[in-house]
Amino acid sequence: MVLLRRWALTADWLTQPPSWLRCIAATYPILAPLTDWNVDARFRPVDAVRGAGQVPILLTRVGRERAEVTATVEAFTAAAGAHHVGLEVIDVPHGQHGFDILDHTDSSRAAVIQAMEWATATLRQ
């Protein structure tokens, strides 16, 4: 639930991006409430992404994620595409939720480095 609360807060930034917001990077996020969660409709990044405009978004997704979480990520990527939002995706096919601290593999390290390089490059633009 903690992860949702953090990513749920991005919904306001996506709906009406503040002038200072340069990018958003999401690592194995939950982007819509799961079926048993009672969350205000305001806090749904999957719906809010339509307002993101020119704010670039990086999404790191893992191949060994729970199906219900994967569904929120798929819905978010589809919504971003439908609204022409700049979305880049880093796939970690053998990664699990928490791969960046749980999986001490070359692919995990590469994904973290790629995400940091993306963020650095985006902020320099």
N, C-alpha and C. Protein backbone atom coordinates (compact mmCIF):
# COMPACT_ATOMS: atom_id res chain seq x y z
N MET A 1 0.82 -1.20 0.00
CA MET A 1 0.00 0.00 0.00
C MET A 1 0.86 1.25 0.00
N VAL A 2 2.02 1.21 0.60
CA VAL A 2 2.87 2.39 0.65
C VAL A 2 3.27 2.83 -0.75
N LEU A 3 3.61 1.86 -1.60
CA LEU A 3 4.00 2.21 -2.96
C LEU A 3 2.87 2.92 -3.68
N LEU A 4 1.66 2.42 -3.56
CA LEU A 4 0.53 3.08 -4.22
C LEU A 4 0.39 4.51 -3.72
N ARG A 5 0.50 4.70 -2.44
CA ARG A 5 0.34 6.05 -1.91
C ARG A 5 1.38 6.98 -2.51
N ARG A 6 2.60 6.53 -2.64
CA ARG A 6 3.61 7.39 -3.26
C ARG A 6 3.28 7.66 -4.71
N TRP A 7 2.95 6.63 -5.47
CA TRP A 7 2.66 6.85 -6.88
C TRP A 7 1.32 7.50 -7.08
N ALA A 8 0.42 7.31 -6.18
CA ALA A 8 -0.86 7.99 -6.27
C ALA A 8 -0.67 9.49 -6.22
N LEU A 9 0.33 9.94 -5.50
CA LEU A 9 0.60 11.38 -5.40
C LEU A 9 1.04 11.98 -6.73
N THR A 10 1.55 11.18 -7.65
CA THR A 10 1.95 11.71 -8.95
C THR A 10 0.74 12.10 -9.79
N ALA A 11 -0.44 11.62 -9.43
CA ALA A 11 -1.63 11.92 -10.23
C ALA A 11 -1.85 13.43 -10.34
N ASP A 12 -1.67 14.16 -9.27
CA ASP A 12 -1.83 15.62 -9.34
C ASP A 12 -0.80 16.23 -10.28
N TRP A 13 0.42 15.74 -10.23
CA TRP A 13 1.48 16.27 -11.11
C TRP A 13 1.19 15.95 -12.56
N LEU A 14 0.58 14.81 -12.82
CA LEU A 14 0.24 14.44 -14.19
C LEU A 14 -0.97 15.22 -14.69
N THR A 15 -1.95 15.42 -13.83
CA THR A 15 -3.16 16.13 -14.22
C THR A 15 -2.86 17.59 -14.57
N GLN A 16 -2.11 18.26 -13.70
CA GLN A 16 -1.72 19.65 -13.91
C GLN A 16 -0.25 19.79 -13.54
N PRO A 17 0.64 19.49 -14.49
CA PRO A 17 2.07 19.51 -14.16
C PRO A 17 2.52 20.89 -13.68
N PRO A 18 3.16 20.95 -12.51
CA PRO A 18 3.69 22.24 -12.04
C PRO A 18 4.83 22.69 -12.96
N SER A 19 5.06 23.98 -13.02
CA SER A 19 6.08 24.52 -13.93
C SER A 19 7.48 23.99 -13.63
N TRP A 20 7.74 23.59 -12.39
CA TRP A 20 9.06 23.13 -12.01
C TRP A 20 9.30 21.65 -12.34
N LEU A 21 8.26 20.91 -12.70
CA LEU A 21 8.38 19.48 -12.94
C LEU A 21 9.05 19.23 -14.28
N ARG A 22 10.18 18.55 -14.27
CA ARG A 22 10.94 18.30 -15.49
C ARG A 22 10.77 16.88 -16.01
N CYS A 23 10.47 15.92 -15.13
CA CYS A 23 10.27 14.53 -15.55
C CYS A 23 9.73 13.73 -14.36
N ILE A 24 9.26 12.54 -14.68
CA ILE A 24 8.80 11.60 -13.66
C ILE A 24 9.42 10.25 -13.99
N ALA A 25 10.00 9.61 -12.99
CA ALA A 25 10.56 8.27 -13.17
C ALA A 25 9.86 7.33 -12.19
N ALA A 26 9.28 6.27 -12.73
CA ALA A 26 8.54 5.31 -11.91
C ALA A 26 9.19 3.93 -12.02
N THR A 27 9.56 3.37 -10.89
CA THR A 27 10.18 2.05 -10.87
C THR A 27 9.21 1.05 -10.26
N TYR A 28 8.87 0.02 -11.01
CA TYR A 28 7.89 -1.02 -10.67
C TYR A 28 6.69 -0.47 -9.90
N PRO A 29 6.05 0.56 -10.47
CA PRO A 29 4.95 1.21 -9.74
C PRO A 29 3.62 0.46 -9.86
N ILE A 30 2.74 0.81 -8.98
CA ILE A 30 1.33 0.42 -9.07
C ILE A 30 0.63 1.71 -9.49
N LEU A 31 0.02 1.72 -10.67
CA LEU A 31 -0.46 2.96 -11.26
C LEU A 31 -1.98 3.11 -11.27
N ALA A 32 -2.65 2.20 -10.60
CA ALA A 32 -4.09 2.28 -10.39
C ALA A 32 -4.38 1.45 -9.15
N PRO A 33 -5.42 1.80 -8.43
CA PRO A 33 -5.74 1.02 -7.24
C PRO A 33 -6.06 -0.43 -7.60
N LEU A 34 -5.59 -1.33 -6.77
CA LEU A 34 -5.95 -2.73 -6.95
C LEU A 34 -7.40 -2.91 -6.50
N THR A 35 -8.00 -4.01 -6.85
CA THR A 35 -9.45 -4.18 -6.67
C THR A 35 -9.91 -4.02 -5.22
N ASP A 36 -9.11 -4.39 -4.27
CA ASP A 36 -9.56 -4.32 -2.88
C ASP A 36 -9.13 -3.04 -2.16
N TRP A 37 -8.59 -2.08 -2.89
CA TRP A 37 -8.13 -0.82 -2.28
C TRP A 37 -9.19 0.26 -2.47
N ASN A 38 -9.48 0.96 -1.42
CA ASN A 38 -10.44 2.05 -1.47
C ASN A 38 -9.65 3.35 -1.56
N VAL A 39 -9.49 3.85 -2.80
CA VAL A 39 -8.68 5.05 -3.04
C VAL A 39 -9.53 6.07 -3.78
N ASP A 40 -9.44 7.31 -3.36
CA ASP A 40 -10.15 8.40 -4.02
C ASP A 40 -9.79 8.43 -5.51
N ALA A 41 -10.76 8.67 -6.35
CA ALA A 41 -10.55 8.70 -7.80
C ALA A 41 -9.50 9.71 -8.22
N ARG A 42 -9.26 10.71 -7.41
CA ARG A 42 -8.25 11.74 -7.71
C ARG A 42 -6.85 11.14 -7.80
N PHE A 43 -6.61 10.05 -7.09
CA PHE A 43 -5.28 9.48 -6.98
C PHE A 43 -5.11 8.25 -7.89
N ARG A 44 -5.34 8.46 -9.18
CA ARG A 44 -5.22 7.38 -10.15
C ARG A 44 -4.31 7.82 -11.30
N PRO A 45 -3.01 7.57 -11.19
CA PRO A 45 -2.10 7.97 -12.26
C PRO A 45 -2.50 7.44 -13.64
N VAL A 46 -3.09 6.26 -13.69
CA VAL A 46 -3.49 5.69 -14.98
C VAL A 46 -4.51 6.59 -15.68
N ASP A 47 -5.34 7.27 -14.93
CA ASP A 47 -6.31 8.19 -15.52
C ASP A 47 -5.70 9.59 -15.71
N ALA A 48 -4.85 9.99 -14.80
CA ALA A 48 -4.28 11.34 -14.82
C ALA A 48 -3.25 11.55 -15.91
N VAL A 49 -2.67 10.48 -16.45
CA VAL A 49 -1.58 10.63 -17.43
C VAL A 49 -2.04 11.41 -18.67
N ARG A 50 -3.32 11.46 -18.92
CA ARG A 50 -3.81 12.21 -20.09
C ARG A 50 -3.47 13.69 -20.00
N GLY A 51 -3.21 14.20 -18.80
CA GLY A 51 -2.88 15.61 -18.64
C GLY A 51 -1.40 15.91 -18.58
N ALA A 52 -0.56 14.91 -18.74
CA ALA A 52 0.88 15.09 -18.55
C ALA A 52 1.52 16.00 -19.58
N GLY A 53 0.93 16.10 -20.74
CA GLY A 53 1.47 16.99 -21.76
C GLY A 53 2.89 16.61 -22.16
N GLN A 54 3.81 17.55 -22.00
CA GLN A 54 5.19 17.37 -22.44
C GLN A 54 6.12 16.85 -21.35
N VAL A 55 5.60 16.49 -20.18
CA VAL A 55 6.44 15.97 -19.11
C VAL A 55 6.89 14.55 -19.48
N PRO A 56 8.20 14.34 -19.67
CA PRO A 56 8.66 12.99 -20.01
C PRO A 56 8.54 12.05 -18.81
N ILE A 57 8.20 10.81 -19.10
CA ILE A 57 8.01 9.81 -18.06
C ILE A 57 8.86 8.59 -18.38
N LEU A 58 9.55 8.10 -17.37
CA LEU A 58 10.30 6.85 -17.48
C LEU A 58 9.62 5.82 -16.60
N LEU A 59 9.39 4.65 -17.14
CA LEU A 59 8.75 3.57 -16.41
C LEU A 59 9.65 2.35 -16.46
N THR A 60 10.05 1.87 -15.31
CA THR A 60 10.82 0.63 -15.24
C THR A 60 9.87 -0.47 -14.78
N ARG A 61 9.75 -1.49 -15.61
CA ARG A 61 8.83 -2.58 -15.26
C ARG A 61 9.59 -3.90 -15.22
N VAL A 62 9.07 -4.79 -14.39
CA VAL A 62 9.74 -6.06 -14.17
C VAL A 62 8.89 -7.20 -14.73
N GLY A 63 9.57 -8.24 -15.17
CA GLY A 63 8.89 -9.39 -15.77
C GLY A 63 8.26 -10.33 -14.78
N ARG A 64 8.73 -10.31 -13.54
CA ARG A 64 8.20 -11.23 -12.52
C ARG A 64 7.33 -10.48 -11.52
N GLU A 65 6.49 -9.60 -12.03
CA GLU A 65 5.58 -8.82 -11.20
C GLU A 65 4.27 -9.58 -11.03
N ARG A 66 3.54 -9.28 -9.98
CA ARG A 66 2.21 -9.86 -9.79
C ARG A 66 1.30 -9.42 -10.93
N ALA A 67 0.43 -10.29 -11.38
CA ALA A 67 -0.44 -10.01 -12.54
C ALA A 67 -1.29 -8.76 -12.33
N GLU A 68 -1.81 -8.56 -11.14
CA GLU A 68 -2.69 -7.40 -10.92
C GLU A 68 -1.90 -6.09 -10.98
N VAL A 69 -0.64 -6.11 -10.62
CA VAL A 69 0.20 -4.92 -10.73
C VAL A 69 0.58 -4.69 -12.19
N THR A 70 0.92 -5.76 -12.89
CA THR A 70 1.24 -5.67 -14.31
C THR A 70 0.08 -5.05 -15.08
N ALA A 71 -1.13 -5.39 -14.73
CA ALA A 71 -2.31 -4.84 -15.41
C ALA A 71 -2.36 -3.33 -15.26
N THR A 72 -1.98 -2.78 -14.11
CA THR A 72 -2.00 -1.32 -13.93
C THR A 72 -0.94 -0.66 -14.79
N VAL A 73 0.21 -1.32 -14.93
CA VAL A 73 1.29 -0.78 -15.75
C VAL A 73 0.88 -0.81 -17.23
N GLU A 74 0.27 -1.90 -17.66
CA GLU A 74 -0.20 -2.00 -19.05
C GLU A 74 -1.25 -0.94 -19.35
N ALA A 75 -2.16 -0.73 -18.41
CA ALA A 75 -3.19 0.30 -18.61
C ALA A 75 -2.56 1.69 -18.69
N PHE A 76 -1.54 1.94 -17.87
CA PHE A 76 -0.86 3.24 -17.88
C PHE A 76 -0.13 3.45 -19.20
N THR A 77 0.60 2.46 -19.68
CA THR A 77 1.33 2.61 -20.93
C THR A 77 0.36 2.81 -22.10
N ALA A 78 -0.76 2.13 -22.09
CA ALA A 78 -1.77 2.32 -23.13
C ALA A 78 -2.34 3.74 -23.08
N ALA A 79 -2.65 4.22 -21.88
CA ALA A 79 -3.19 5.57 -21.74
C ALA A 79 -2.17 6.62 -22.16
N ALA A 80 -0.91 6.42 -21.80
CA ALA A 80 0.13 7.36 -22.20
C ALA A 80 0.25 7.40 -23.72
N GLY A 81 0.20 6.25 -24.36
CA GLY A 81 0.26 6.20 -25.82
C GLY A 81 -0.94 6.88 -26.46
N ALA A 82 -2.12 6.63 -25.92
CA ALA A 82 -3.34 7.22 -26.47
C ALA A 82 -3.34 8.75 -26.37
N HIS A 83 -2.64 9.27 -25.37
CA HIS A 83 -2.60 10.73 -25.16
C HIS A 83 -1.28 11.35 -25.60
N HIS A 84 -0.49 10.58 -26.33
CA HIS A 84 0.78 11.06 -26.90
C HIS A 84 1.72 11.64 -25.85
N VAL A 85 1.79 10.98 -24.72
CA VAL A 85 2.69 11.37 -23.65
C VAL A 85 4.04 10.71 -23.90
N GLY A 86 5.12 11.46 -23.71
CA GLY A 86 6.46 10.91 -23.89
C GLY A 86 6.78 9.91 -22.80
N LEU A 87 6.70 8.64 -23.12
CA LEU A 87 6.94 7.57 -22.15
C LEU A 87 8.06 6.68 -22.67
N GLU A 88 9.08 6.50 -21.85
CA GLU A 88 10.13 5.53 -22.15
C GLU A 88 10.02 4.41 -21.13
N VAL A 89 10.32 3.20 -21.58
CA VAL A 89 10.18 2.03 -20.72
C VAL A 89 11.50 1.28 -20.66
N ILE A 90 11.91 0.93 -19.46
CA ILE A 90 13.03 0.03 -19.24
C ILE A 90 12.42 -1.29 -18.76
N ASP A 91 12.69 -2.34 -19.49
CA ASP A 91 12.19 -3.66 -19.10
C ASP A 91 13.30 -4.44 -18.40
N VAL A 92 12.93 -5.06 -17.31
CA VAL A 92 13.82 -5.96 -16.57
C VAL A 92 13.11 -7.31 -16.55
N PRO A 93 13.26 -8.09 -17.64
CA PRO A 93 12.45 -9.30 -17.82
C PRO A 93 12.52 -10.31 -16.67
N HIS A 94 13.68 -10.46 -16.07
CA HIS A 94 13.82 -11.44 -14.99
C HIS A 94 13.76 -10.80 -13.61
N GLY A 95 13.44 -9.49 -13.58
CA GLY A 95 13.38 -8.77 -12.31
C GLY A 95 12.06 -9.00 -11.59
N GLN A 96 12.13 -8.83 -10.29
CA GLN A 96 10.94 -8.93 -9.45
C GLN A 96 10.67 -7.56 -8.82
N HIS A 97 9.50 -7.42 -8.22
CA HIS A 97 9.17 -6.19 -7.51
C HIS A 97 10.25 -5.99 -6.44
N GLY A 98 10.97 -4.90 -6.50
CA GLY A 98 12.08 -4.67 -5.58
C GLY A 98 13.42 -5.12 -6.14
N PHE A 99 13.49 -5.36 -7.44
CA PHE A 99 14.71 -5.90 -8.06
C PHE A 99 15.94 -5.07 -7.73
N ASP A 100 15.77 -3.76 -7.61
CA ASP A 100 16.92 -2.88 -7.42
C ASP A 100 17.61 -3.10 -6.08
N ILE A 101 16.91 -3.72 -5.13
CA ILE A 101 17.56 -4.04 -3.86
C ILE A 101 17.62 -5.55 -3.60
N LEU A 102 16.82 -6.33 -4.33
CA LEU A 102 16.76 -7.78 -4.09
C LEU A 102 17.59 -8.61 -5.05
N ASP A 103 17.69 -8.16 -6.30
CA ASP A 103 18.36 -8.96 -7.34
C ASP A 103 19.74 -8.37 -7.63
N HIS A 104 20.76 -9.03 -7.17
CA HIS A 104 22.13 -8.56 -7.40
C HIS A 104 22.66 -9.18 -8.68
N THR A 105 22.10 -8.69 -9.82
CA THR A 105 22.45 -9.24 -11.13
C THR A 105 22.92 -8.11 -12.05
N ASP A 106 23.57 -8.51 -13.12
CA ASP A 106 24.02 -7.52 -14.11
C ASP A 106 22.83 -6.78 -14.72
N SER A 107 21.73 -7.48 -15.00
CA SER A 107 20.58 -6.81 -15.61
C SER A 107 19.92 -5.83 -14.65
N SER A 108 19.91 -6.13 -13.36
CA SER A 108 19.37 -5.20 -12.38
C SER A 108 20.24 -3.95 -12.30
N ARG A 109 21.54 -4.15 -12.23
CA ARG A 109 22.45 -3.00 -12.18
C ARG A 109 22.34 -2.17 -13.45
N ALA A 110 22.23 -2.83 -14.59
CA ALA A 110 22.11 -2.11 -15.86
C ALA A 110 20.83 -1.27 -15.90
N ALA A 111 19.73 -1.80 -15.39
CA ALA A 111 18.47 -1.06 -15.38
C ALA A 111 18.56 0.18 -14.49
N VAL A 112 19.17 0.04 -13.34
CA VAL A 112 19.32 1.18 -12.43
C VAL A 112 20.20 2.24 -13.08
N ILE A 113 21.29 1.82 -13.69
CA ILE A 113 22.19 2.77 -14.36
C ILE A 113 21.46 3.46 -15.51
N GLN A 114 20.73 2.69 -16.30
CA GLN A 114 19.99 3.27 -17.42
C GLN A 114 18.97 4.31 -16.94
N ALA A 115 18.28 4.01 -15.86
CA ALA A 115 17.30 4.95 -15.31
C ALA A 115 17.98 6.23 -14.82
N MET A 116 19.10 6.10 -14.15
CA MET A 116 19.82 7.28 -13.67
C MET A 116 20.35 8.11 -14.84
N GLU A 117 20.84 7.44 -15.87
CA GLU A 117 21.33 8.16 -17.05
C GLU A 117 20.19 8.90 -17.75
N TRP A 118 19.04 8.27 -17.82
CA TRP A 118 17.87 8.91 -18.42
C TRP A 118 17.48 10.16 -17.64
N ALA A 119 17.39 10.01 -16.31
CA ALA A 119 17.01 11.15 -15.48
C ALA A 119 18.03 12.29 -15.61
N THR A 120 19.29 11.96 -15.57
CA THR A 120 20.34 12.97 -15.70
C THR A 120 20.26 13.69 -17.04
N ALA A 121 20.13 12.92 -18.10
CA ALA A 121 20.05 13.52 -19.44
C ALA A 121 18.80 14.38 -19.59
N THR A 122 17.69 13.92 -19.06
CA THR A 122 16.43 14.67 -19.15
C THR A 122 16.54 15.98 -18.39
N LEU A 123 17.13 15.94 -17.22
CA LEU A 123 17.26 17.17 -16.43
C LEU A 123 18.24 18.17 -17.05
N ARG A 124 19.16 17.68 -17.86
CA ARG A 124 20.12 18.58 -18.52
C ARG A 124 19.55 19.25 -19.75
N GLN A 125 18.44 18.77 -20.24
CA GLN A 125 17.84 19.36 -21.46
C GLN A 125 17.23 20.71 -21.20
